Amino acid sequence: MSLLSFVKEAGEKLIDLLTPGNANASEQLKEHIDKVGLGNPNVQATVDGDKVTVKGEVASQEEKEKILLTLGNIAGIGSVDDQITVTGPVVVAAEFVEVKAGDTLSAISLRVYGNANQYQKIFDANKPMLKDVNKIYPGQKLRIPK
């Protein structure tokens, strides 16, 4: 289990999520996971200030990583405490990279793989959170498969 850091000012804005005393924060986070296209996994998420703690079980390392990124890439979230257990086969975890100003998926691909044409691999690894290869933003974290 680990604590992942995120750029607090970057990400999708969820109204009232970080309002102190928000009794619906956990439900809002589950709805957000479903809204981005990850379904309704067996996880529970809580908010404490700018930190989200997520617990539960998922079937794959990929599913876990996508849930962590979905929760961390919310405006106002500075860290995600990963307490998710993977029940399926153990595989090598993907790397995470932070999008810098002026980055494109091709530029990131060139930086991490040495080949700009591998951008589709990054795009596919971040579906369904990414819907368009041109819609990334500074501060966003992305999965980079090996």
Protein backbone atom coordinates (compact mmCIF):
# COMPACT_ATOMS: atom_id res chain seq x y z
CA MET A 1 0.00 0.00 0.00
CA SER A 2 1.24 3.48 -0.74
CA LEU A 3 0.53 7.17 -0.72
CA LEU A 4 0.48 8.78 -4.17
CA SER A 5 0.94 12.54 -4.59
CA PHE A 6 -1.03 14.63 -7.07
CA VAL A 7 -1.11 18.26 -8.20
CA LYS A 8 -3.87 19.65 -6.02
CA GLU A 9 -4.80 22.48 -8.40
CA ALA A 10 -5.18 20.20 -11.45
CA GLY A 11 -8.06 17.95 -12.38
CA GLU A 12 -11.78 17.75 -12.74
CA LYS A 13 -13.77 19.85 -10.33
CA LEU A 14 -16.37 17.96 -8.30
CA ILE A 15 -18.71 20.41 -6.61
CA ASP A 16 -18.87 20.10 -2.81
CA LEU A 17 -16.55 17.07 -2.68
CA LEU A 18 -14.02 18.77 -0.42
CA THR A 19 -16.52 20.73 1.67
CA PRO A 20 -15.70 19.96 5.31
CA GLY A 21 -18.27 17.62 6.81
CA ASN A 22 -19.58 16.46 3.42
CA ALA A 23 -21.37 13.24 4.38
CA ASN A 24 -21.79 12.34 0.69
CA ALA A 25 -18.10 12.52 -0.30
CA SER A 26 -17.67 8.74 -0.39
CA GLU A 27 -20.73 8.32 -2.61
CA GLN A 28 -19.60 11.18 -4.88
CA LEU A 29 -16.24 9.46 -5.38
CA LYS A 30 -17.93 6.14 -6.26
CA GLU A 31 -20.19 7.96 -8.74
CA HIS A 32 -17.13 9.65 -10.26
CA ILE A 33 -15.39 6.28 -10.73
CA ASP A 34 -18.50 4.98 -12.48
CA LYS A 35 -18.90 8.17 -14.57
CA VAL A 36 -15.42 7.91 -16.07
CA GLY A 37 -16.26 4.39 -17.21
CA LEU A 38 -14.69 2.14 -14.58
CA GLY A 39 -17.99 0.69 -13.43
CA ASN A 40 -18.80 0.04 -9.79
CA PRO A 41 -15.74 -1.66 -8.26
CA ASN A 42 -15.68 -3.10 -4.76
CA VAL A 43 -13.94 -0.09 -3.19
CA GLN A 44 -14.76 2.50 -0.58
CA ALA A 45 -13.21 5.96 -0.61
CA THR A 46 -13.14 8.59 2.10
CA VAL A 47 -11.96 12.21 2.07
CA ASP A 48 -9.92 13.85 4.82
CA GLY A 49 -8.88 17.37 3.82
CA ASP A 50 -7.04 16.99 0.51
CA LYS A 51 -6.38 13.24 0.95
CA VAL A 52 -8.52 10.40 -0.36
CA THR A 53 -8.15 6.98 1.25
CA VAL A 54 -9.39 4.12 -0.90
CA LYS A 55 -9.87 0.56 0.36
CA GLY A 56 -11.30 -2.61 -1.15
CA GLU A 57 -10.57 -5.34 -3.65
CA VAL A 58 -10.22 -5.27 -7.42
CA ALA A 59 -9.48 -7.98 -9.97
CA SER A 60 -6.37 -6.51 -11.62
CA GLN A 61 -3.41 -4.18 -11.14
CA GLU A 62 -4.63 -2.16 -14.13
CA GLU A 63 -8.06 -1.61 -12.54
CA LYS A 64 -6.39 -0.53 -9.29
CA GLU A 65 -4.12 1.97 -11.04
CA LYS A 66 -6.99 3.46 -13.02
CA ILE A 67 -9.07 3.93 -9.86
CA LEU A 68 -6.15 5.61 -8.07
CA LEU A 69 -5.58 7.98 -10.99
CA THR A 70 -9.28 8.74 -11.33
CA LEU A 71 -9.46 9.76 -7.67
CA GLY A 72 -6.17 11.66 -7.67
CA ASN A 73 -6.91 13.61 -10.83
CA ILE A 74 -9.68 15.57 -9.07
CA ALA A 75 -9.12 19.26 -8.35
CA GLY A 76 -8.31 19.76 -4.67
CA ILE A 77 -6.96 16.24 -4.08
CA GLY A 78 -3.29 16.28 -3.10
CA SER A 79 -2.80 12.60 -2.31
CA VAL A 80 -4.43 9.20 -2.51
CA ASP A 81 -3.78 6.60 0.17
CA ASP A 82 -3.84 3.29 -1.71
CA GLN A 83 -5.22 0.49 0.45
CA ILE A 84 -6.61 -1.58 -2.44
CA THR A 85 -5.91 -5.30 -2.69
CA VAL A 86 -5.57 -6.95 -6.10
CA THR A 87 -7.19 -10.40 -6.13
CA GLY A 88 -6.02 -11.44 -9.61
CA PRO A 89 -2.57 -12.36 -10.88
CA VAL A 90 0.32 -10.20 -9.75
CA VAL A 91 1.80 -8.17 -12.60
CA VAL A 92 4.37 -5.40 -12.80
CA ALA A 93 2.87 -2.07 -11.87
CA ALA A 94 2.81 0.65 -14.48
CA GLU A 95 4.74 3.88 -14.01
CA PHE A 96 2.90 7.15 -13.51
CA VAL A 97 3.97 10.40 -15.18
CA GLU A 98 2.77 13.92 -14.62
CA VAL A 99 1.75 15.91 -17.69
CA LYS A 100 3.82 19.09 -18.05
CA ALA A 101 2.76 22.31 -19.78
CA GLY A 102 3.04 21.85 -23.54
CA ASP A 103 3.06 18.04 -23.34
CA THR A 104 1.28 15.84 -25.85
CA LEU A 105 0.92 12.08 -25.66
CA SER A 106 3.52 11.87 -28.45
CA ALA A 107 5.98 13.98 -26.44
CA ILE A 108 5.43 11.83 -23.36
CA SER A 109 5.85 8.70 -25.48
CA LEU A 110 9.13 10.02 -26.87
CA ARG A 111 10.34 10.81 -23.34
CA VAL A 112 9.45 7.43 -21.78
CA TYR A 113 9.75 5.00 -24.71
CA GLY A 114 12.16 6.84 -26.99
CA ASN A 115 9.54 6.71 -29.76
CA ALA A 116 6.81 9.33 -30.26
CA ASN A 117 4.69 6.85 -32.21
CA GLN A 118 3.97 4.81 -29.05
CA TYR A 119 1.47 7.47 -27.88
CA GLN A 120 -1.47 5.13 -28.62
CA LYS A 121 -0.11 2.69 -26.02
CA ILE A 122 -0.35 5.45 -23.39
CA PHE A 123 -3.79 6.50 -24.58
CA ASP A 124 -5.08 2.91 -24.43
CA ALA A 125 -3.59 2.42 -20.95
CA ASN A 126 -5.57 5.42 -19.70
CA LYS A 127 -8.95 4.56 -21.17
CA PRO A 128 -11.71 5.17 -20.21
CA MET A 129 -10.40 8.18 -18.24
CA LEU A 130 -9.02 9.68 -21.46
CA LYS A 131 -11.54 10.05 -24.24
CA ASP A 132 -9.38 11.99 -26.74
CA VAL A 133 -5.61 11.91 -27.38
CA ASN A 134 -5.60 15.72 -27.43
CA LYS A 135 -7.35 16.22 -24.09
CA ILE A 136 -4.64 16.06 -21.46
CA TYR A 137 -3.74 18.88 -19.07
CA PRO A 138 -0.75 19.99 -17.00
CA GLY A 139 -0.68 18.32 -13.60
CA GLN A 140 -2.66 15.28 -14.74
CA LYS A 141 -1.09 11.91 -13.95
CA LEU A 142 -1.13 9.13 -16.53
CA ARG A 143 -0.37 5.39 -16.49
CA ILE A 144 2.66 4.37 -18.52
CA PRO A 145 2.63 0.61 -19.17
CA LYS A 146 5.93 -1.24 -19.40
